[in-house]
């Protein structure tokens, strides 16, 4: 389910992260969405650490990560 394809890291903004997550609703369960989001956030964080980009759009206040469902 490629979403960002050939996008440059510098072009991925919080708006694209929100749209990407919204597009997964109904396609992936909440638990899977949470894991996929965590992976994307980690990948982009590595780019910040490597000084490829200045900040991680996944950490913007307007981006709400899907919570992992609790097991009960």
PDB file of N, CA and C in Angstrom:
ATOM      1  N   UNK A   1       0.836  -1.168   0.000  1.00  0.00           N
ATOM      2  CA  UNK A   1       0.000   0.000   0.000  1.00  0.00           C
ATOM      3  C   UNK A   1       0.895   1.250   0.000  1.00  0.00           C
ATOM      4  N   UNK A   2       1.631   1.473  -1.082  1.00  0.00           N
ATOM      5  CA  UNK A   2       2.522   2.642  -1.108  1.00  0.00           C
ATOM      6  C   UNK A   2       1.727   3.943  -1.059  1.00  0.00           C
ATOM      7  N   UNK A   3       2.209   4.845  -0.250  1.00  0.00           N
ATOM      8  CA  UNK A   3       1.507   6.121  -0.110  1.00  0.00           C
ATOM      9  C   UNK A   3       2.392   7.299  -0.493  1.00  0.00           C
ATOM     10  N   UNK A   4       3.650   7.231  -0.147  1.00  0.00           N
ATOM     11  CA  UNK A   4       4.528   8.371  -0.374  1.00  0.00           C
ATOM     12  C   UNK A   4       5.426   8.182  -1.586  1.00  0.00           C
ATOM     13  N   UNK A   5       5.471   6.950  -2.119  1.00  0.00           N
ATOM     14  CA  UNK A   5       6.178   6.663  -3.361  1.00  0.00           C
ATOM     15  C   UNK A   5       7.536   7.326  -3.462  1.00  0.00           C
ATOM     16  N   UNK A   6       7.701   8.137  -4.465  1.00  0.00           N
ATOM     17  CA  UNK A   6       8.976   8.802  -4.728  1.00  0.00           C
ATOM     18  C   UNK A   6       9.065  10.178  -4.080  1.00  0.00           C
ATOM     19  N   UNK A   7       8.192  10.464  -3.129  1.00  0.00           N
ATOM     20  CA  UNK A   7       8.191  11.778  -2.470  1.00  0.00           C
ATOM     21  C   UNK A   7       9.519  12.039  -1.769  1.00  0.00           C
ATOM     22  N   UNK A   8       9.995  13.243  -1.899  1.00  0.00           N
ATOM     23  CA  UNK A   8      11.169  13.669  -1.146  1.00  0.00           C
ATOM     24  C   UNK A   8      10.765  13.829   0.314  1.00  0.00           C
ATOM     25  N   UNK A   9      11.631  13.455   1.237  1.00  0.00           N
ATOM     26  CA  UNK A   9      11.314  13.591   2.663  1.00  0.00           C
ATOM     27  C   UNK A   9      10.927  15.019   3.028  1.00  0.00           C
ATOM     28  N   UNK A  10      11.564  15.971   2.401  1.00  0.00           N
ATOM     29  CA  UNK A  10      11.291  17.375   2.727  1.00  0.00           C
ATOM     30  C   UNK A  10       9.905  17.827   2.299  1.00  0.00           C
ATOM     31  N   UNK A  11       9.258  17.055   1.433  1.00  0.00           N
ATOM     32  CA  UNK A  11       7.922  17.452   0.960  1.00  0.00           C
ATOM     33  C   UNK A  11       6.802  16.838   1.795  1.00  0.00           C
ATOM     34  N   UNK A  12       7.120  15.896   2.669  1.00  0.00           N
ATOM     35  CA  UNK A  12       6.088  15.248   3.481  1.00  0.00           C
ATOM     36  C   UNK A  12       5.774  16.139   4.678  1.00  0.00           C
ATOM     37  N   UNK A  13       4.577  16.648   4.700  1.00  0.00           N
ATOM     38  CA  UNK A  13       4.132  17.580   5.731  1.00  0.00           C
ATOM     39  C   UNK A  13       3.068  16.913   6.605  1.00  0.00           C
ATOM     40  N   UNK A  14       2.752  17.501   7.765  1.00  0.00           N
ATOM     41  CA  UNK A  14       1.722  16.925   8.626  1.00  0.00           C
ATOM     42  C   UNK A  14       0.405  16.665   7.896  1.00  0.00           C
ATOM     43  N   UNK A  15       0.024  17.529   6.971  1.00  0.00           N
ATOM     44  CA  UNK A  15      -1.201  17.341   6.211  1.00  0.00           C
ATOM     45  C   UNK A  15      -1.185  16.000   5.479  1.00  0.00           C
ATOM     46  N   UNK A  16      -0.051  15.660   4.852  1.00  0.00           N
ATOM     47  CA  UNK A  16       0.053  14.385   4.134  1.00  0.00           C
ATOM     48  C   UNK A  16      -0.006  13.200   5.102  1.00  0.00           C
ATOM     49  N   UNK A  17       0.572  13.360   6.278  1.00  0.00           N
ATOM     50  CA  UNK A  17       0.531  12.292   7.282  1.00  0.00           C
ATOM     51  C   UNK A  17      -0.913  12.065   7.727  1.00  0.00           C
ATOM     52  N   UNK A  18      -1.649  13.150   7.976  1.00  0.00           N
ATOM     53  CA  UNK A  18      -3.055  13.026   8.392  1.00  0.00           C
ATOM     54  C   UNK A  18      -3.891  12.356   7.299  1.00  0.00           C
ATOM     55  N   UNK A  19      -3.706  12.768   6.047  1.00  0.00           N
ATOM     56  CA  UNK A  19      -4.447  12.191   4.932  1.00  0.00           C
ATOM     57  C   UNK A  19      -4.107  10.708   4.763  1.00  0.00           C
ATOM     58  N   UNK A  20      -2.839  10.373   4.874  1.00  0.00           N
ATOM     59  CA  UNK A  20      -2.388   8.996   4.758  1.00  0.00           C
ATOM     60  C   UNK A  20      -3.069   8.129   5.810  1.00  0.00           C
ATOM     61  N   UNK A  21      -3.087   8.607   7.050  1.00  0.00           N
ATOM     62  CA  UNK A  21      -3.721   7.845   8.121  1.00  0.00           C
ATOM     63  C   UNK A  21      -5.226   7.723   7.884  1.00  0.00           C
ATOM     64  N   UNK A  22      -5.854   8.816   7.482  1.00  0.00           N
ATOM     65  CA  UNK A  22      -7.292   8.807   7.219  1.00  0.00           C
ATOM     66  C   UNK A  22      -7.645   7.816   6.106  1.00  0.00           C
ATOM     67  N   UNK A  23      -6.782   7.704   5.106  1.00  0.00           N
ATOM     68  CA  UNK A  23      -7.028   6.783   3.991  1.00  0.00           C
ATOM     69  C   UNK A  23      -6.921   5.319   4.406  1.00  0.00           C
ATOM     70  N   UNK A  24      -6.278   5.044   5.523  1.00  0.00           N
ATOM     71  CA  UNK A  24      -6.160   3.663   5.999  1.00  0.00           C
ATOM     72  C   UNK A  24      -7.369   3.229   6.824  1.00  0.00           C
ATOM     73  N   UNK A  25      -8.200   4.188   7.264  1.00  0.00           N
ATOM     74  CA  UNK A  25      -9.389   3.843   8.046  1.00  0.00           C
ATOM     75  C   UNK A  25     -10.302   2.983   7.190  1.00  0.00           C
ATOM     76  N   UNK A  26     -10.737   1.860   7.743  1.00  0.00           N
ATOM     77  CA  UNK A  26     -11.601   0.945   7.017  1.00  0.00           C
ATOM     78  C   UNK A  26     -10.842  -0.053   6.164  1.00  0.00           C
ATOM     79  N   UNK A  27      -9.564   0.220   5.938  1.00  0.00           N
ATOM     80  CA  UNK A  27      -8.723  -0.698   5.170  1.00  0.00           C
ATOM     81  C   UNK A  27      -7.873  -1.546   6.108  1.00  0.00           C
ATOM     82  N   UNK A  28      -7.336  -0.890   7.135  1.00  0.00           N
ATOM     83  CA  UNK A  28      -6.526  -1.574   8.138  1.00  0.00           C
ATOM     84  C   UNK A  28      -7.171  -1.386   9.500  1.00  0.00           C
ATOM     85  N   UNK A  29      -7.013  -2.370  10.363  1.00  0.00           N
ATOM     86  CA  UNK A  29      -7.510  -2.248  11.731  1.00  0.00           C
ATOM     87  C   UNK A  29      -6.689  -1.235  12.516  1.00  0.00           C
ATOM     88  N   UNK A  30      -7.235  -0.780  13.626  1.00  0.00           N
ATOM     89  CA  UNK A  30      -6.551   0.228  14.440  1.00  0.00           C
ATOM     90  C   UNK A  30      -5.175  -0.236  14.898  1.00  0.00           C
ATOM     91  N   UNK A  31      -5.055  -1.494  15.289  1.00  0.00           N
ATOM     92  CA  UNK A  31      -3.767  -2.009  15.744  1.00  0.00           C
ATOM     93  C   UNK A  31      -2.721  -1.968  14.647  1.00  0.00           C
ATOM     94  N   UNK A  32      -3.113  -2.373  13.454  1.00  0.00           N
ATOM     95  CA  UNK A  32      -2.193  -2.355  12.316  1.00  0.00           C
ATOM     96  C   UNK A  32      -1.840  -0.926  11.936  1.00  0.00           C
ATOM     97  N   UNK A  33      -2.836  -0.035  11.939  1.00  0.00           N
ATOM     98  CA  UNK A  33      -2.568   1.380  11.647  1.00  0.00           C
ATOM     99  C   UNK A  33      -1.579   1.952  12.641  1.00  0.00           C
ATOM    100  N   UNK A  34      -1.717   1.599  13.919  1.00  0.00           N
ATOM    101  CA  UNK A  34      -0.805   2.103  14.947  1.00  0.00           C
ATOM    102  C   UNK A  34       0.621   1.625  14.695  1.00  0.00           C
ATOM    103  N   UNK A  35       0.771   0.367  14.319  1.00  0.00           N
ATOM    104  CA  UNK A  35       2.107  -0.186  14.049  1.00  0.00           C
ATOM    105  C   UNK A  35       2.715   0.454  12.806  1.00  0.00           C
ATOM    106  N   UNK A  36       1.916   0.597  11.748  1.00  0.00           N
ATOM    107  CA  UNK A  36       2.413   1.205  10.511  1.00  0.00           C
ATOM    108  C   UNK A  36       2.837   2.653  10.773  1.00  0.00           C
ATOM    109  N   UNK A  37       2.030   3.377  11.549  1.00  0.00           N
ATOM    110  CA  UNK A  37       2.375   4.762  11.891  1.00  0.00           C
ATOM    111  C   UNK A  37       3.679   4.798  12.678  1.00  0.00           C
ATOM    112  N   UNK A  38       3.839   3.892  13.634  1.00  0.00           N
ATOM    113  CA  UNK A  38       5.065   3.856  14.441  1.00  0.00           C
ATOM    114  C   UNK A  38       6.295   3.608  13.561  1.00  0.00           C
ATOM    115  N   UNK A  39       6.145   2.738  12.572  1.00  0.00           N
ATOM    116  CA  UNK A  39       7.267   2.480  11.655  1.00  0.00           C
ATOM    117  C   UNK A  39       7.602   3.720  10.837  1.00  0.00           C
ATOM    118  N   UNK A  40       6.578   4.382  10.295  1.00  0.00           N
ATOM    119  CA  UNK A  40       6.821   5.599   9.520  1.00  0.00           C
ATOM    120  C   UNK A  40       7.492   6.656  10.385  1.00  0.00           C
ATOM    121  N   UNK A  41       6.981   6.836  11.595  1.00  0.00           N
ATOM    122  CA  UNK A  41       7.565   7.831  12.508  1.00  0.00           C
ATOM    123  C   UNK A  41       9.037   7.527  12.776  1.00  0.00           C
ATOM    124  N   UNK A  42       9.375   6.265  12.966  1.00  0.00           N
ATOM    125  CA  UNK A  42      10.766   5.872  13.213  1.00  0.00           C
ATOM    126  C   UNK A  42      11.650   6.125  12.007  1.00  0.00           C
ATOM    127  N   UNK A  43      11.129   5.801  10.829  1.00  0.00           N
ATOM    128  CA  UNK A  43      11.902   6.026   9.604  1.00  0.00           C
ATOM    129  C   UNK A  43      12.190   7.514   9.428  1.00  0.00           C
ATOM    130  N   UNK A  44      11.156   8.339   9.608  1.00  0.00           N
ATOM    131  CA  UNK A  44      11.354   9.784   9.438  1.00  0.00           C
ATOM    132  C   UNK A  44      12.244  10.336  10.551  1.00  0.00           C
ATOM    133  N   UNK A  45      12.133   9.784  11.754  1.00  0.00           N
ATOM    134  CA  UNK A  45      12.999  10.230  12.850  1.00  0.00           C
ATOM    135  C   UNK A  45      14.467   9.954  12.515  1.00  0.00           C
ATOM    136  N   UNK A  46      14.741   8.825  11.865  1.00  0.00           N
ATOM    137  CA  UNK A  46      16.114   8.524  11.442  1.00  0.00           C
ATOM    138  C   UNK A  46      16.614   9.586  10.468  1.00  0.00           C
ATOM    139  N   UNK A  47      15.733  10.072   9.601  1.00  0.00           N
ATOM    140  CA  UNK A  47      16.122  11.127   8.660  1.00  0.00           C
ATOM    141  C   UNK A  47      16.450  12.416   9.408  1.00  0.00           C
ATOM    142  N   UNK A  48      15.715  12.702  10.487  1.00  0.00           N
ATOM    143  CA  UNK A  48      16.019  13.875  11.318  1.00  0.00           C
ATOM    144  C   UNK A  48      17.381  13.680  11.978  1.00  0.00           C
ATOM    145  N   UNK A  49      17.603  12.497  12.557  1.00  0.00           N
ATOM    146  CA  UNK A  49      18.891  12.208  13.205  1.00  0.00           C
ATOM    147  C   UNK A  49      20.054  12.342  12.226  1.00  0.00           C
ATOM    148  N   UNK A  50      19.822  11.938  10.976  1.00  0.00           N
ATOM    149  CA  UNK A  50      20.863  12.015   9.954  1.00  0.00           C
ATOM    150  C   UNK A  50      20.942  13.394   9.305  1.00  0.00           C
ATOM    151  N   UNK A  51      20.159  14.338   9.822  1.00  0.00           N
ATOM    152  CA  UNK A  51      20.123  15.722   9.358  1.00  0.00           C
ATOM    153  C   UNK A  51      19.716  15.853   7.890  1.00  0.00           C
ATOM    154  N   UNK A  52      18.834  14.943   7.454  1.00  0.00           N
ATOM    155  CA  UNK A  52      18.283  15.037   6.100  1.00  0.00           C
ATOM    156  C   UNK A  52      17.095  15.989   6.069  1.00  0.00           C
ATOM    157  N   UNK A  53      16.366  16.050   7.195  1.00  0.00           N
ATOM    158  CA  UNK A  53      15.248  16.975   7.359  1.00  0.00           C
ATOM    159  C   UNK A  53      15.331  17.571   8.758  1.00  0.00           C
ATOM    160  N   UNK A  54      14.646  18.705   8.953  1.00  0.00           N
ATOM    161  CA  UNK A  54      14.741  19.418  10.233  1.00  0.00           C
ATOM    162  C   UNK A  54      13.825  18.868  11.314  1.00  0.00           C
ATOM    163  N   UNK A  55      12.624  18.445  10.936  1.00  0.00           N
ATOM    164  CA  UNK A  55      11.706  17.937  11.942  1.00  0.00           C
ATOM    165  C   UNK A  55      10.820  16.845  11.378  1.00  0.00           C
ATOM    166  N   UNK A  56      10.263  16.075  12.288  1.00  0.00           N
ATOM    167  CA  UNK A  56       9.448  14.924  11.928  1.00  0.00           C
ATOM    168  C   UNK A  56       7.981  15.342  11.839  1.00  0.00           C
ATOM    169  N   UNK A  57       7.367  15.283  10.649  1.00  0.00           N
ATOM    170  CA  UNK A  57       5.971  15.693  10.520  1.00  0.00           C
ATOM    171  C   UNK A  57       5.017  14.790  11.301  1.00  0.00           C
ATOM    172  N   UNK A  58       5.444  13.599  11.662  1.00  0.00           N
ATOM    173  CA  UNK A  58       4.602  12.700  12.462  1.00  0.00           C
ATOM    174  C   UNK A  58       4.429  13.212  13.890  1.00  0.00           C
ATOM    175  N   UNK A  59       5.313  14.100  14.316  1.00  0.00           N
ATOM    176  CA  UNK A  59       5.269  14.622  15.679  1.00  0.00           C
ATOM    177  C   UNK A  59       4.520  15.949  15.793  1.00  0.00           C
ATOM    178  N   UNK A  60       3.967  16.423  14.685  1.00  0.00           N
ATOM    179  CA  UNK A  60       3.210  17.679  14.717  1.00  0.00           C
ATOM    180  C   UNK A  60       1.982  17.519  15.617  1.00  0.00           C
ATOM    181  N   UNK A  61       1.616  18.581  16.306  1.00  0.00           N
ATOM    182  CA  UNK A  61       0.460  18.521  17.211  1.00  0.00           C
ATOM    183  C   UNK A  61      -0.832  18.154  16.495  1.00  0.00           C
ATOM    184  N   UNK A  62      -0.927  18.490  15.216  1.00  0.00           N
ATOM    185  CA  UNK A  62      -2.152  18.203  14.468  1.00  0.00           C
ATOM    186  C   UNK A  62      -2.245  16.745  14.005  1.00  0.00           C
ATOM    187  N   UNK A  63      -1.176  15.983  14.179  1.00  0.00           N
ATOM    188  CA  UNK A  63      -1.173  14.588  13.786  1.00  0.00           C
ATOM    189  C   UNK A  63      -1.443  13.745  15.033  1.00  0.00           C
ATOM    190  N   UNK A  64      -2.557  13.038  15.008  1.00  0.00           N
ATOM    191  CA  UNK A  64      -2.939  12.188  16.132  1.00  0.00           C
ATOM    192  C   UNK A  64      -2.724  10.729  15.717  1.00  0.00           C
ATOM    193  N   UNK A  65      -1.790  10.069  16.367  1.00  0.00           N
ATOM    194  CA  UNK A  65      -1.521   8.672  16.046  1.00  0.00           C
ATOM    195  C   UNK A  65      -2.658   7.798  16.574  1.00  0.00           C
ATOM    196  N   UNK A  66      -2.974   6.782  15.816  1.00  0.00           N
ATOM    197  CA  UNK A  66      -3.970   5.810  16.254  1.00  0.00           C
ATOM    198  C   UNK A  66      -3.398   5.037  17.444  1.00  0.00           C
ATOM    199  N   UNK A  67      -4.182   4.955  18.483  1.00  0.00           N
ATOM    200  CA  UNK A  67      -3.728   4.209  19.673  1.00  0.00           C
ATOM    201  C   UNK A  67      -3.828   2.720  19.405  1.00  0.00           C
ATOM    202  N   UNK A  68      -2.869   1.996  19.923  1.00  0.00           N
ATOM    203  CA  UNK A  68      -2.937   0.534  19.834  1.00  0.00           C
ATOM    204  C   UNK A  68      -4.046   0.054  20.752  1.00  0.00           C
ATOM    205  N   UNK A  69      -4.902  -0.817  20.256  1.00  0.00           N
ATOM    206  CA  UNK A  69      -5.978  -1.329  21.107  1.00  0.00           C
ATOM    207  C   UNK A  69      -5.403  -2.110  22.283  1.00  0.00           C
ATOM    208  N   UNK A  70      -6.046  -1.964  23.426  1.00  0.00           N
ATOM    209  CA  UNK A  70      -5.611  -2.713  24.591  1.00  0.00           C
ATOM    210  C   UNK A  70      -6.194  -4.122  24.530  1.00  0.00           C
ATOM    211  N   UNK A  71      -5.427  -5.039  25.004  1.00  0.00           N
ATOM    212  CA  UNK A  71      -5.902  -6.422  25.007  1.00  0.00           C
ATOM    213  C   UNK A  71      -6.485  -6.735  26.367  1.00  0.00           C
ATOM    214  N   UNK A  72      -7.644  -7.310  26.360  1.00  0.00           N
ATOM    215  CA  UNK A  72      -8.278  -7.525  27.642  1.00  0.00           C
ATOM    216  C   UNK A  72      -8.872  -8.841  27.828  1.00  0.00           C
TER     217      UNK A  72
END
